[in-house]
Amino acid sequence: MNSSPLRTLRQRLHSETPQIRRAALTQLDENFERVSVPAADLLPFLHDEDSSHRWLAIHLLAKIGDVAALPPLLAATLDPDEAVAEAARDALAAFRSPDALDAFIHGAGQLQPGIRALAVAALGEIGHPRAVPILLHTCGDLANAVRAAAITALGRLRDQRALGAIRWGLYDDASLVRRAAVAAGASFPDPTLPENLVRLLDDPSLSVRSEVAAVLVRFPGQTSIGLLLHFLHDAEPAVVRIALQSLCALRAPVAEHFTPLLEHSLPEIRFAAQAALRHVGFHPRTAPTIPACDSRSPFAASSLDTNRIEYWPEAV
């Protein structure tokens, strides 16, 4: 598009008539490959009364990719219109280069915890070591979501400076943070992690116990096996199933601990135990008769016809 039509388009973007502004936005979107306007021309739309204008402006700003738009896009994640706020959150994914680092570091210090959490998460995805100091600082944030995002980001960066903060996160009052610390700790080749997870065996949070049972598969050894055997007696079926899955993946010689679960009062645990036994090639001489269940259930007998069921990973 030559300079005259482009100039006209930019003028229409600033028109006082909503319909003209809308038509200009639509034209820009439809001809984006041939038309280029500065991000500054679109920033005023983030405060437009019409939520559809705000949504379309965010969509275009993500296409342009100018890091100067990041601060207003972060602010737009708090838009009262959820569709606009979601569009702004999605738009942030377009800014993952080191050029965006400073803008997200600035965002990590904003007053609104929602913005801080998004900025911190973005720093983890960018993965630049220059973000480590601010991430370590935000591990002490008052907002649970921000602390969890910081610990998750540090796990992505795998910087040794983060180990202390991640281990401290295992003691956090918020289950969201403890779960993030378990997952982040597992991203480091730290053979002492299972010992640090002992205190979480009876954590009140199902999500934390489930995460512990899932990550132990990355740390073969007697400590991990012992912790997983403890989880076979957990009150939550989800934790028991994950523990069985991890023990099978570790090829732990503990099949005799699976057989008592064949008598469990909950059918989903009985089916999971039978699937685990078949996966490890162990067939007890006297197995109880397990009644068939609804074919629509993920624990239907048909899922146990082979030695390996669909949701069971390959042993390593």
C-alpha atoms as a PDB file:
ATOM      1  CA  MET A   1       0.000   0.000   0.000  1.00  0.00           C
ATOM      2  CA  ASN A   2       1.490   3.345  -1.039  1.00  0.00           C
ATOM      3  CA  SER A   3       1.855   6.299   1.302  1.00  0.00           C
ATOM      4  CA  SER A   4      -1.395   8.092   0.413  1.00  0.00           C
ATOM      5  CA  PRO A   5      -3.814   5.208   1.184  1.00  0.00           C
ATOM      6  CA  LEU A   6      -1.757   4.341   4.270  1.00  0.00           C
ATOM      7  CA  ARG A   7      -2.009   7.927   5.462  1.00  0.00           C
ATOM      8  CA  THR A   8      -5.768   7.763   4.928  1.00  0.00           C
ATOM      9  CA  LEU A   9      -5.997   4.513   6.861  1.00  0.00           C
ATOM     10  CA  ARG A  10      -4.089   5.972   9.795  1.00  0.00           C
ATOM     11  CA  GLN A  11      -6.380   8.987   9.796  1.00  0.00           C
ATOM     12  CA  ARG A  12      -9.417   6.722   9.880  1.00  0.00           C
ATOM     13  CA  LEU A  13      -7.939   4.853  12.872  1.00  0.00           C
ATOM     14  CA  HIS A  14      -8.084   8.146  14.768  1.00  0.00           C
ATOM     15  CA  SER A  15     -11.556   9.111  13.608  1.00  0.00           C
ATOM     16  CA  GLU A  16     -14.088  10.234  16.210  1.00  0.00           C
ATOM     17  CA  THR A  17     -16.724   8.020  14.565  1.00  0.00           C
ATOM     18  CA  PRO A  18     -16.709   4.470  16.035  1.00  0.00           C
ATOM     19  CA  GLN A  19     -17.890   2.879  12.789  1.00  0.00           C
ATOM     20  CA  ILE A  20     -15.023   4.425  10.839  1.00  0.00           C
ATOM     21  CA  ARG A  21     -12.479   3.299  13.425  1.00  0.00           C
ATOM     22  CA  ARG A  22     -13.924  -0.197  13.335  1.00  0.00           C
ATOM     23  CA  ALA A  23     -13.742  -0.322   9.530  1.00  0.00           C
ATOM     24  CA  ALA A  24     -10.131   0.862   9.624  1.00  0.00           C
ATOM     25  CA  LEU A  25      -9.195  -1.820  12.149  1.00  0.00           C
ATOM     26  CA  THR A  26     -10.869  -4.488  10.056  1.00  0.00           C
ATOM     27  CA  GLN A  27      -9.143  -3.268   6.898  1.00  0.00           C
ATOM     28  CA  LEU A  28      -5.800  -3.336   8.668  1.00  0.00           C
ATOM     29  CA  ASP A  29      -6.399  -6.867   9.903  1.00  0.00           C
ATOM     30  CA  GLU A  30      -7.448  -8.136   6.498  1.00  0.00           C
ATOM     31  CA  ASN A  31      -4.484  -6.513   4.734  1.00  0.00           C
ATOM     32  CA  PHE A  32      -1.881  -6.968   7.437  1.00  0.00           C
ATOM     33  CA  GLU A  33       0.676  -8.562   5.109  1.00  0.00           C
ATOM     34  CA  ARG A  34       0.618  -5.478   2.873  1.00  0.00           C
ATOM     35  CA  VAL A  35      -0.045  -2.735   5.397  1.00  0.00           C
ATOM     36  CA  SER A  36       2.160  -1.691   8.254  1.00  0.00           C
ATOM     37  CA  VAL A  37       1.268   0.866  10.914  1.00  0.00           C
ATOM     38  CA  PRO A  38       3.153   1.750  14.094  1.00  0.00           C
ATOM     39  CA  ALA A  39       1.991   0.060  17.276  1.00  0.00           C
ATOM     40  CA  ALA A  40       1.443   3.544  18.693  1.00  0.00           C
ATOM     41  CA  ASP A  41      -1.497   3.986  16.316  1.00  0.00           C
ATOM     42  CA  LEU A  42      -3.279   1.069  17.959  1.00  0.00           C
ATOM     43  CA  LEU A  43      -2.534   1.688  21.627  1.00  0.00           C
ATOM     44  CA  PRO A  44      -5.401   4.195  22.091  1.00  0.00           C
ATOM     45  CA  PHE A  45      -7.820   1.411  21.125  1.00  0.00           C
ATOM     46  CA  LEU A  46      -6.949  -0.443  24.339  1.00  0.00           C
ATOM     47  CA  HIS A  47      -9.056   2.200  26.122  1.00  0.00           C
ATOM     48  CA  ASP A  48     -11.863   2.265  23.549  1.00  0.00           C
ATOM     49  CA  GLU A  49     -15.398   2.013  24.915  1.00  0.00           C
ATOM     50  CA  ASP A  50     -16.189  -0.739  22.417  1.00  0.00           C
ATOM     51  CA  SER A  51     -14.759  -4.037  23.689  1.00  0.00           C
ATOM     52  CA  SER A  52     -14.632  -5.427  20.143  1.00  0.00           C
ATOM     53  CA  HIS A  53     -12.283  -2.579  19.195  1.00  0.00           C
ATOM     54  CA  ARG A  54     -10.062  -3.384  22.171  1.00  0.00           C
ATOM     55  CA  TRP A  55     -10.032  -7.076  21.248  1.00  0.00           C
ATOM     56  CA  LEU A  56      -9.105  -6.418  17.609  1.00  0.00           C
ATOM     57  CA  ALA A  57      -6.391  -3.918  18.565  1.00  0.00           C
ATOM     58  CA  ILE A  58      -4.796  -6.501  20.862  1.00  0.00           C
ATOM     59  CA  HIS A  59      -4.925  -9.063  18.067  1.00  0.00           C
ATOM     60  CA  LEU A  60      -3.107  -6.629  15.747  1.00  0.00           C
ATOM     61  CA  LEU A  61      -0.541  -5.602  18.350  1.00  0.00           C
ATOM     62  CA  ALA A  62       0.410  -9.250  18.793  1.00  0.00           C
ATOM     63  CA  LYS A  63       0.964  -9.479  15.033  1.00  0.00           C
ATOM     64  CA  ILE A  64       3.125  -6.358  14.997  1.00  0.00           C
ATOM     65  CA  GLY A  65       5.230  -7.629  17.909  1.00  0.00           C
ATOM     66  CA  ASP A  66       6.589  -4.265  19.023  1.00  0.00           C
ATOM     67  CA  VAL A  67       7.881  -4.651  22.599  1.00  0.00           C
ATOM     68  CA  ALA A  68       6.806  -1.062  23.266  1.00  0.00           C
ATOM     69  CA  ALA A  69       3.257  -2.427  23.375  1.00  0.00           C
ATOM     70  CA  LEU A  70       4.018  -4.836  26.216  1.00  0.00           C
ATOM     71  CA  PRO A  71       3.238  -2.568  29.202  1.00  0.00           C
ATOM     72  CA  PRO A  72      -0.244  -1.641  27.901  1.00  0.00           C
ATOM     73  CA  LEU A  73      -0.863  -5.267  26.883  1.00  0.00           C
ATOM     74  CA  LEU A  74      -0.005  -6.408  30.403  1.00  0.00           C
ATOM     75  CA  ALA A  75      -2.456  -3.829  31.745  1.00  0.00           C
ATOM     76  CA  ALA A  76      -5.083  -5.097  29.277  1.00  0.00           C
ATOM     77  CA  THR A  77      -4.976  -8.528  30.934  1.00  0.00           C
ATOM     78  CA  LEU A  78      -7.086  -6.895  33.672  1.00  0.00           C
ATOM     79  CA  ASP A  79      -9.726  -5.681  31.188  1.00  0.00           C
ATOM     80  CA  PRO A  80     -13.270  -6.005  32.628  1.00  0.00           C
ATOM     81  CA  ASP A  81     -14.319  -7.854  29.479  1.00  0.00           C
ATOM     82  CA  GLU A  82     -13.040 -11.416  29.882  1.00  0.00           C
ATOM     83  CA  ALA A  83     -12.729 -11.959  26.124  1.00  0.00           C
ATOM     84  CA  VAL A  84     -10.468  -8.909  25.871  1.00  0.00           C
ATOM     85  CA  ALA A  85      -8.451  -9.941  28.935  1.00  0.00           C
ATOM     86  CA  GLU A  86      -7.979 -13.424  27.493  1.00  0.00           C
ATOM     87  CA  ALA A  87      -6.888 -11.962  24.157  1.00  0.00           C
ATOM     88  CA  ALA A  88      -4.295  -9.860  25.987  1.00  0.00           C
ATOM     89  CA  ARG A  89      -2.993 -12.902  27.881  1.00  0.00           C
ATOM     90  CA  ASP A  90      -2.747 -14.819  24.607  1.00  0.00           C
ATOM     91  CA  ALA A  91      -1.004 -11.869  22.927  1.00  0.00           C
ATOM     92  CA  LEU A  92       1.803 -11.975  25.489  1.00  0.00           C
ATOM     93  CA  ALA A  93       2.897 -15.309  23.988  1.00  0.00           C
ATOM     94  CA  ALA A  94       4.034 -13.402  20.880  1.00  0.00           C
ATOM     95  CA  PHE A  95       6.729 -11.703  22.962  1.00  0.00           C
ATOM     96  CA  ARG A  96       9.238 -14.374  23.948  1.00  0.00           C
ATOM     97  CA  SER A  97      12.496 -12.945  22.635  1.00  0.00           C
ATOM     98  CA  PRO A  98      15.247 -11.443  24.804  1.00  0.00           C
ATOM     99  CA  ASP A  99      14.134  -8.032  23.477  1.00  0.00           C
ATOM    100  CA  ALA A 100      11.067  -8.323  25.706  1.00  0.00           C
ATOM    101  CA  LEU A 101      13.078  -9.077  28.830  1.00  0.00           C
ATOM    102  CA  ASP A 102      13.174  -5.550  30.239  1.00  0.00           C
ATOM    103  CA  ALA A 103       9.449  -5.009  29.740  1.00  0.00           C
ATOM    104  CA  PHE A 104       8.594  -8.203  31.599  1.00  0.00           C
ATOM    105  CA  ILE A 105      11.106  -7.435  34.377  1.00  0.00           C
ATOM    106  CA  HIS A 106       9.304  -4.114  34.771  1.00  0.00           C
ATOM    107  CA  GLY A 107       5.964  -5.929  34.764  1.00  0.00           C
ATOM    108  CA  ALA A 108       7.145  -8.200  37.568  1.00  0.00           C
ATOM    109  CA  GLY A 109       7.251  -5.145  39.801  1.00  0.00           C
ATOM    110  CA  GLN A 110       3.744  -3.842  39.099  1.00  0.00           C
ATOM    111  CA  LEU A 111       1.162  -3.341  41.835  1.00  0.00           C
ATOM    112  CA  GLN A 112      -1.392  -5.803  40.453  1.00  0.00           C
ATOM    113  CA  PRO A 113      -0.548  -9.428  41.360  1.00  0.00           C
ATOM    114  CA  GLY A 114      -2.185 -10.723  38.184  1.00  0.00           C
ATOM    115  CA  ILE A 115       0.208  -8.688  36.051  1.00  0.00           C
ATOM    116  CA  ARG A 116       3.179  -9.700  38.185  1.00  0.00           C
ATOM    117  CA  ALA A 117       2.320 -13.381  37.793  1.00  0.00           C
ATOM    118  CA  LEU A 118       2.008 -13.118  33.998  1.00  0.00           C
ATOM    119  CA  ALA A 119       5.261 -11.178  33.702  1.00  0.00           C
ATOM    120  CA  VAL A 120       7.116 -13.658  35.887  1.00  0.00           C
ATOM    121  CA  ALA A 121       5.783 -16.599  33.876  1.00  0.00           C
ATOM    122  CA  ALA A 122       6.938 -14.904  30.662  1.00  0.00           C
ATOM    123  CA  LEU A 123      10.423 -14.431  32.103  1.00  0.00           C
ATOM    124  CA  GLY A 124      10.599 -18.168  32.682  1.00  0.00           C
ATOM    125  CA  GLU A 125       9.572 -18.897  29.110  1.00  0.00           C
ATOM    126  CA  ILE A 126      12.125 -16.464  27.695  1.00  0.00           C
ATOM    127  CA  GLY A 127      14.729 -18.304  29.758  1.00  0.00           C
ATOM    128  CA  HIS A 128      17.378 -15.610  29.989  1.00  0.00           C
ATOM    129  CA  PRO A 129      19.708 -15.856  33.015  1.00  0.00           C
ATOM    130  CA  ARG A 130      19.390 -12.094  33.560  1.00  0.00           C
ATOM    131  CA  ALA A 131      15.893 -12.792  34.884  1.00  0.00           C
ATOM    132  CA  VAL A 132      17.150 -14.945  37.778  1.00  0.00           C
ATOM    133  CA  PRO A 133      17.631 -12.116  40.334  1.00  0.00           C
ATOM    134  CA  ILE A 134      14.113 -10.714  39.857  1.00  0.00           C
ATOM    135  CA  LEU A 135      12.661 -14.232  39.951  1.00  0.00           C
ATOM    136  CA  LEU A 136      14.461 -14.973  43.211  1.00  0.00           C
ATOM    137  CA  HIS A 137      13.103 -11.715  44.597  1.00  0.00           C
ATOM    138  CA  THR A 138       9.517 -12.520  43.602  1.00  0.00           C
ATOM    139  CA  CYS A 139       9.737 -15.895  45.377  1.00  0.00           C
ATOM    140  CA  GLY A 140       8.973 -13.770  48.444  1.00  0.00           C
ATOM    141  CA  ASP A 141       5.937 -12.052  46.893  1.00  0.00           C
ATOM    142  CA  LEU A 142       2.811 -11.753  49.054  1.00  0.00           C
ATOM    143  CA  ALA A 143       0.618 -13.265  46.315  1.00  0.00           C
ATOM    144  CA  ASN A 144       0.523 -17.057  46.123  1.00  0.00           C
ATOM    145  CA  ALA A 145       0.172 -17.061  42.332  1.00  0.00           C
ATOM    146  CA  VAL A 146       3.229 -14.849  41.910  1.00  0.00           C
ATOM    147  CA  ARG A 147       5.410 -17.023  44.157  1.00  0.00           C
ATOM    148  CA  ALA A 148       4.262 -20.141  42.316  1.00  0.00           C
ATOM    149  CA  ALA A 149       4.963 -18.514  38.935  1.00  0.00           C
ATOM    150  CA  ALA A 150       8.435 -17.448  40.103  1.00  0.00           C
ATOM    151  CA  ILE A 151       9.350 -20.936  41.284  1.00  0.00           C
ATOM    152  CA  THR A 152       8.012 -22.479  38.073  1.00  0.00           C
ATOM    153  CA  ALA A 153      10.061 -19.987  36.044  1.00  0.00           C
ATOM    154  CA  LEU A 154      13.202 -20.801  38.021  1.00  0.00           C
ATOM    155  CA  GLY A 155      12.620 -24.479  37.315  1.00  0.00           C
ATOM    156  CA  ARG A 156      12.526 -23.674  33.606  1.00  0.00           C
ATOM    157  CA  LEU A 157      15.808 -21.761  33.778  1.00  0.00           C
ATOM    158  CA  ARG A 158      17.548 -24.551  35.742  1.00  0.00           C
ATOM    159  CA  ASP A 159      19.965 -22.080  37.284  1.00  0.00           C
ATOM    160  CA  GLN A 160      21.800 -23.471  40.308  1.00  0.00           C
ATOM    161  CA  ARG A 161      21.199 -20.193  42.148  1.00  0.00           C
ATOM    162  CA  ALA A 162      17.529 -21.163  42.322  1.00  0.00           C
ATOM    163  CA  LEU A 163      17.886 -24.409  44.276  1.00  0.00           C
ATOM    164  CA  GLY A 164      17.626 -22.768  47.694  1.00  0.00           C
ATOM    165  CA  ALA A 165      14.477 -20.840  46.798  1.00  0.00           C
ATOM    166  CA  ILE A 166      12.878 -23.917  45.260  1.00  0.00           C
ATOM    167  CA  ARG A 167      13.580 -26.061  48.323  1.00  0.00           C
ATOM    168  CA  TRP A 168      12.209 -23.298  50.537  1.00  0.00           C
ATOM    169  CA  GLY A 169       9.042 -23.395  48.421  1.00  0.00           C
ATOM    170  CA  LEU A 170       8.403 -26.949  49.646  1.00  0.00           C
ATOM    171  CA  TYR A 171       7.605 -25.385  53.047  1.00  0.00           C
ATOM    172  CA  ASP A 172       5.305 -22.657  51.708  1.00  0.00           C
ATOM    173  CA  ASP A 173       1.877 -22.258  53.319  1.00  0.00           C
ATOM    174  CA  ALA A 174       0.168 -22.287  49.905  1.00  0.00           C
ATOM    175  CA  SER A 175      -0.343 -25.644  48.192  1.00  0.00           C
ATOM    176  CA  LEU A 176      -0.054 -23.900  44.813  1.00  0.00           C
ATOM    177  CA  VAL A 177       3.513 -22.910  45.688  1.00  0.00           C
ATOM    178  CA  ARG A 178       4.444 -26.288  47.201  1.00  0.00           C
ATOM    179  CA  ARG A 179       3.282 -28.068  44.064  1.00  0.00           C
ATOM    180  CA  ALA A 180       5.277 -25.656  41.876  1.00  0.00           C
ATOM    181  CA  ALA A 181       8.349 -26.268  44.043  1.00  0.00           C
ATOM    182  CA  VAL A 182       8.025 -30.050  43.639  1.00  0.00           C
ATOM    183  CA  ALA A 183       7.809 -29.757  39.851  1.00  0.00           C
ATOM    184  CA  ALA A 184      10.617 -27.189  39.668  1.00  0.00           C
ATOM    185  CA  GLY A 185      12.888 -29.241  41.900  1.00  0.00           C
ATOM    186  CA  ALA A 186      12.434 -32.239  39.637  1.00  0.00           C
ATOM    187  CA  SER A 187      13.875 -30.266  36.719  1.00  0.00           C
ATOM    188  CA  PHE A 188      17.301 -30.347  38.391  1.00  0.00           C
ATOM    189  CA  PRO A 189      19.477 -33.492  38.495  1.00  0.00           C
ATOM    190  CA  ASP A 190      19.423 -33.380  42.299  1.00  0.00           C
ATOM    191  CA  PRO A 191      19.602 -36.884  43.824  1.00  0.00           C
ATOM    192  CA  THR A 192      18.681 -35.484  47.257  1.00  0.00           C
ATOM    193  CA  LEU A 193      15.241 -34.298  46.104  1.00  0.00           C
ATOM    194  CA  PRO A 194      13.366 -37.460  47.206  1.00  0.00           C
ATOM    195  CA  GLU A 195      14.688 -36.959  50.741  1.00  0.00           C
ATOM    196  CA  ASN A 196      13.380 -33.380  50.692  1.00  0.00           C
ATOM    197  CA  LEU A 197       9.970 -34.632  49.589  1.00  0.00           C
ATOM    198  CA  VAL A 198       9.447 -36.913  52.596  1.00  0.00           C
ATOM    199  CA  ARG A 199       7.680 -34.133  54.496  1.00  0.00           C
ATOM    200  CA  LEU A 200       5.043 -33.943  51.738  1.00  0.00           C
ATOM    201  CA  LEU A 201       3.957 -37.588  51.922  1.00  0.00           C
ATOM    202  CA  ASP A 202       0.904 -36.632  53.970  1.00  0.00           C
ATOM    203  CA  ASP A 203       0.428 -33.142  52.563  1.00  0.00           C
ATOM    204  CA  PRO A 204      -3.215 -32.044  52.910  1.00  0.00           C
ATOM    205  CA  SER A 205      -3.309 -31.082  49.234  1.00  0.00           C
ATOM    206  CA  LEU A 206      -4.193 -33.762  46.700  1.00  0.00           C
ATOM    207  CA  SER A 207      -2.410 -31.820  43.951  1.00  0.00           C
ATOM    208  CA  VAL A 208       0.833 -31.729  45.954  1.00  0.00           C
ATOM    209  CA  ARG A 209       0.794 -35.449  46.755  1.00  0.00           C
ATOM    210  CA  SER A 210      -0.032 -36.259  43.134  1.00  0.00           C
ATOM    211  CA  GLU A 211       2.865 -34.126  41.901  1.00  0.00           C
ATOM    212  CA  VAL A 212       5.273 -35.816  44.320  1.00  0.00           C
ATOM    213  CA  ALA A 213       4.164 -39.269  43.158  1.00  0.00           C
ATOM    214  CA  ALA A 214       4.597 -38.208  39.527  1.00  0.00           C
ATOM    215  CA  VAL A 215       8.085 -36.659  39.785  1.00  0.00           C
ATOM    216  CA  LEU A 216       9.649 -39.479  41.794  1.00  0.00           C
ATOM    217  CA  VAL A 217       9.852 -41.508  38.597  1.00  0.00           C
ATOM    218  CA  ARG A 218      12.752 -39.253  37.552  1.00  0.00           C
ATOM    219  CA  PHE A 219      14.840 -40.305  40.555  1.00  0.00           C
ATOM    220  CA  PRO A 220      15.394 -44.079  40.548  1.00  0.00           C
ATOM    221  CA  GLY A 221      16.456 -45.416  43.910  1.00  0.00           C
ATOM    222  CA  GLN A 222      15.273 -46.952  47.139  1.00  0.00           C
ATOM    223  CA  THR A 223      14.156 -43.644  48.635  1.00  0.00           C
ATOM    224  CA  SER A 224      11.811 -42.955  45.723  1.00  0.00           C
ATOM    225  CA  ILE A 225      10.477 -46.511  45.792  1.00  0.00           C
ATOM    226  CA  GLY A 226       9.825 -46.251  49.521  1.00  0.00           C
ATOM    227  CA  LEU A 227       7.904 -43.009  49.096  1.00  0.00           C
ATOM    228  CA  LEU A 228       5.848 -44.450  46.252  1.00  0.00           C
ATOM    229  CA  LEU A 229       4.980 -47.527  48.313  1.00  0.00           C
ATOM    230  CA  HIS A 230       3.687 -45.146  50.986  1.00  0.00           C
ATOM    231  CA  PHE A 231       1.406 -43.560  48.387  1.00  0.00           C
ATOM    232  CA  LEU A 232      -0.188 -46.945  47.647  1.00  0.00           C
ATOM    233  CA  HIS A 233      -2.060 -46.422  50.921  1.00  0.00           C
ATOM    234  CA  ASP A 234      -3.194 -42.876  50.117  1.00  0.00           C
ATOM    235  CA  ALA A 235      -6.854 -42.068  50.669  1.00  0.00           C
ATOM    236  CA  GLU A 236      -7.176 -40.555  47.176  1.00  0.00           C
ATOM    237  CA  PRO A 237      -7.455 -43.003  44.228  1.00  0.00           C
ATOM    238  CA  ALA A 238      -5.694 -40.521  41.921  1.00  0.00           C
ATOM    239  CA  VAL A 239      -2.555 -40.600  44.065  1.00  0.00           C
ATOM    240  CA  VAL A 240      -2.594 -44.404  44.254  1.00  0.00           C
ATOM    241  CA  ARG A 241      -2.888 -44.692  40.473  1.00  0.00           C
ATOM    242  CA  ILE A 242       0.003 -42.288  39.886  1.00  0.00           C
ATOM    243  CA  ALA A 243       2.142 -44.168  42.408  1.00  0.00           C
ATOM    244  CA  LEU A 244       1.407 -47.462  40.645  1.00  0.00           C
ATOM    245  CA  GLN A 245       2.291 -45.862  37.327  1.00  0.00           C
ATOM    246  CA  SER A 246       5.599 -44.518  38.653  1.00  0.00           C
ATOM    247  CA  LEU A 247       6.559 -47.820  40.256  1.00  0.00           C
ATOM    248  CA  CYS A 248       5.927 -49.617  36.977  1.00  0.00           C
ATOM    249  CA  ALA A 249       8.004 -47.066  35.067  1.00  0.00           C
ATOM    250  CA  LEU A 250      10.840 -47.545  37.567  1.00  0.00           C
ATOM    251  CA  ARG A 251      10.554 -51.331  37.134  1.00  0.00           C
ATOM    252  CA  ALA A 252      10.648 -51.597  40.888  1.00  0.00           C
ATOM    253  CA  PRO A 253      10.531 -55.245  42.065  1.00  0.00           C
ATOM    254  CA  VAL A 254       7.562 -54.593  44.342  1.00  0.00           C
ATOM    255  CA  ALA A 255       4.720 -56.422  42.598  1.00  0.00           C
ATOM    256  CA  GLU A 256       3.808 -58.126  45.872  1.00  0.00           C
ATOM    257  CA  HIS A 257       2.744 -54.724  47.169  1.00  0.00           C
ATOM    258  CA  PHE A 258       0.255 -54.406  44.310  1.00  0.00           C
ATOM    259  CA  THR A 259      -1.705 -57.584  45.052  1.00  0.00           C
ATOM    260  CA  PRO A 260      -3.406 -56.328  48.267  1.00  0.00           C
ATOM    261  CA  LEU A 261      -4.928 -53.538  46.174  1.00  0.00           C
ATOM    262  CA  LEU A 262      -6.855 -56.169  44.206  1.00  0.00           C
ATOM    263  CA  GLU A 263      -9.085 -56.396  47.285  1.00  0.00           C
ATOM    264  CA  HIS A 264      -9.524 -52.629  47.615  1.00  0.00           C
ATOM    265  CA  SER A 265     -13.033 -51.306  48.221  1.00  0.00           C
ATOM    266  CA  LEU A 266     -12.784 -48.884  45.286  1.00  0.00           C
ATOM    267  CA  PRO A 267     -13.122 -50.465  41.830  1.00  0.00           C
ATOM    268  CA  GLU A 268     -10.850 -47.904  40.145  1.00  0.00           C
ATOM    269  CA  ILE A 269      -7.983 -48.897  42.413  1.00  0.00           C
ATOM    270  CA  ARG A 270      -8.655 -52.615  41.875  1.00  0.00           C
ATOM    271  CA  PHE A 271      -8.527 -52.119  38.107  1.00  0.00           C
ATOM    272  CA  ALA A 272      -5.402 -49.952  38.323  1.00  0.00           C
ATOM    273  CA  ALA A 273      -3.663 -52.594  40.467  1.00  0.00           C
ATOM    274  CA  GLN A 274      -4.589 -55.354  38.025  1.00  0.00           C
ATOM    275  CA  ALA A 275      -3.307 -53.253  35.118  1.00  0.00           C
ATOM    276  CA  ALA A 276      -0.049 -52.597  37.004  1.00  0.00           C
ATOM    277  CA  LEU A 277       0.443 -56.310  37.678  1.00  0.00           C
ATOM    278  CA  ARG A 278      -0.104 -57.139  34.045  1.00  0.00           C
ATOM    279  CA  HIS A 279       2.257 -54.373  33.006  1.00  0.00           C
ATOM    280  CA  VAL A 280       5.075 -55.883  35.040  1.00  0.00           C
ATOM    281  CA  GLY A 281       4.177 -59.390  33.898  1.00  0.00           C
ATOM    282  CA  PHE A 282       3.131 -60.588  37.359  1.00  0.00           C
ATOM    283  CA  HIS A 283       0.054 -62.796  37.546  1.00  0.00           C
ATOM    284  CA  PRO A 284      -0.934 -63.948  41.048  1.00  0.00           C
ATOM    285  CA  ARG A 285      -2.160 -67.540  41.236  1.00  0.00           C
ATOM    286  CA  THR A 286      -5.306 -66.503  43.055  1.00  0.00           C
ATOM    287  CA  ALA A 287      -6.612 -63.212  41.763  1.00  0.00           C
ATOM    288  CA  PRO A 288     -10.038 -62.050  42.923  1.00  0.00           C
ATOM    289  CA  THR A 289     -12.852 -61.787  40.448  1.00  0.00           C
ATOM    290  CA  ILE A 290     -13.324 -58.158  39.496  1.00  0.00           C
ATOM    291  CA  PRO A 291     -16.838 -57.329  38.336  1.00  0.00           C
ATOM    292  CA  ALA A 292     -17.213 -55.735  34.924  1.00  0.00           C
ATOM    293  CA  CYS A 293     -17.948 -52.045  34.960  1.00  0.00           C
ATOM    294  CA  ASP A 294     -19.649 -49.628  32.622  1.00  0.00           C
ATOM    295  CA  SER A 295     -17.929 -49.780  29.212  1.00  0.00           C
ATOM    296  CA  ARG A 296     -17.816 -45.997  29.196  1.00  0.00           C
ATOM    297  CA  SER A 297     -15.545 -45.947  32.232  1.00  0.00           C
ATOM    298  CA  PRO A 298     -11.780 -45.478  31.756  1.00  0.00           C
ATOM    299  CA  PHE A 299     -11.406 -48.510  34.022  1.00  0.00           C
ATOM    300  CA  ALA A 300     -13.574 -50.798  31.903  1.00  0.00           C
ATOM    301  CA  ALA A 301     -12.428 -54.411  31.705  1.00  0.00           C
ATOM    302  CA  SER A 302     -11.721 -54.015  27.987  1.00  0.00           C
ATOM    303  CA  SER A 303      -8.851 -51.662  28.853  1.00  0.00           C
ATOM    304  CA  LEU A 304      -7.139 -54.514  30.679  1.00  0.00           C
ATOM    305  CA  ASP A 305      -7.141 -57.048  27.848  1.00  0.00           C
ATOM    306  CA  THR A 306      -3.444 -56.478  27.134  1.00  0.00           C
ATOM    307  CA  ASN A 307      -0.362 -56.317  29.301  1.00  0.00           C
ATOM    308  CA  ARG A 308      -0.116 -52.570  28.793  1.00  0.00           C
ATOM    309  CA  ILE A 309      -3.048 -50.186  28.924  1.00  0.00           C
ATOM    310  CA  GLU A 310      -3.295 -46.901  27.085  1.00  0.00           C
ATOM    311  CA  TYR A 311      -2.671 -44.542  29.982  1.00  0.00           C
ATOM    312  CA  TRP A 312       0.380 -46.512  31.199  1.00  0.00           C
ATOM    313  CA  PRO A 313       3.734 -45.140  29.957  1.00  0.00           C
ATOM    314  CA  GLU A 314       6.466 -47.323  28.576  1.00  0.00           C
ATOM    315  CA  ALA A 315       8.793 -48.592  31.291  1.00  0.00           C
ATOM    316  CA  VAL A 316      12.225 -46.978  31.209  1.00  0.00           C
END
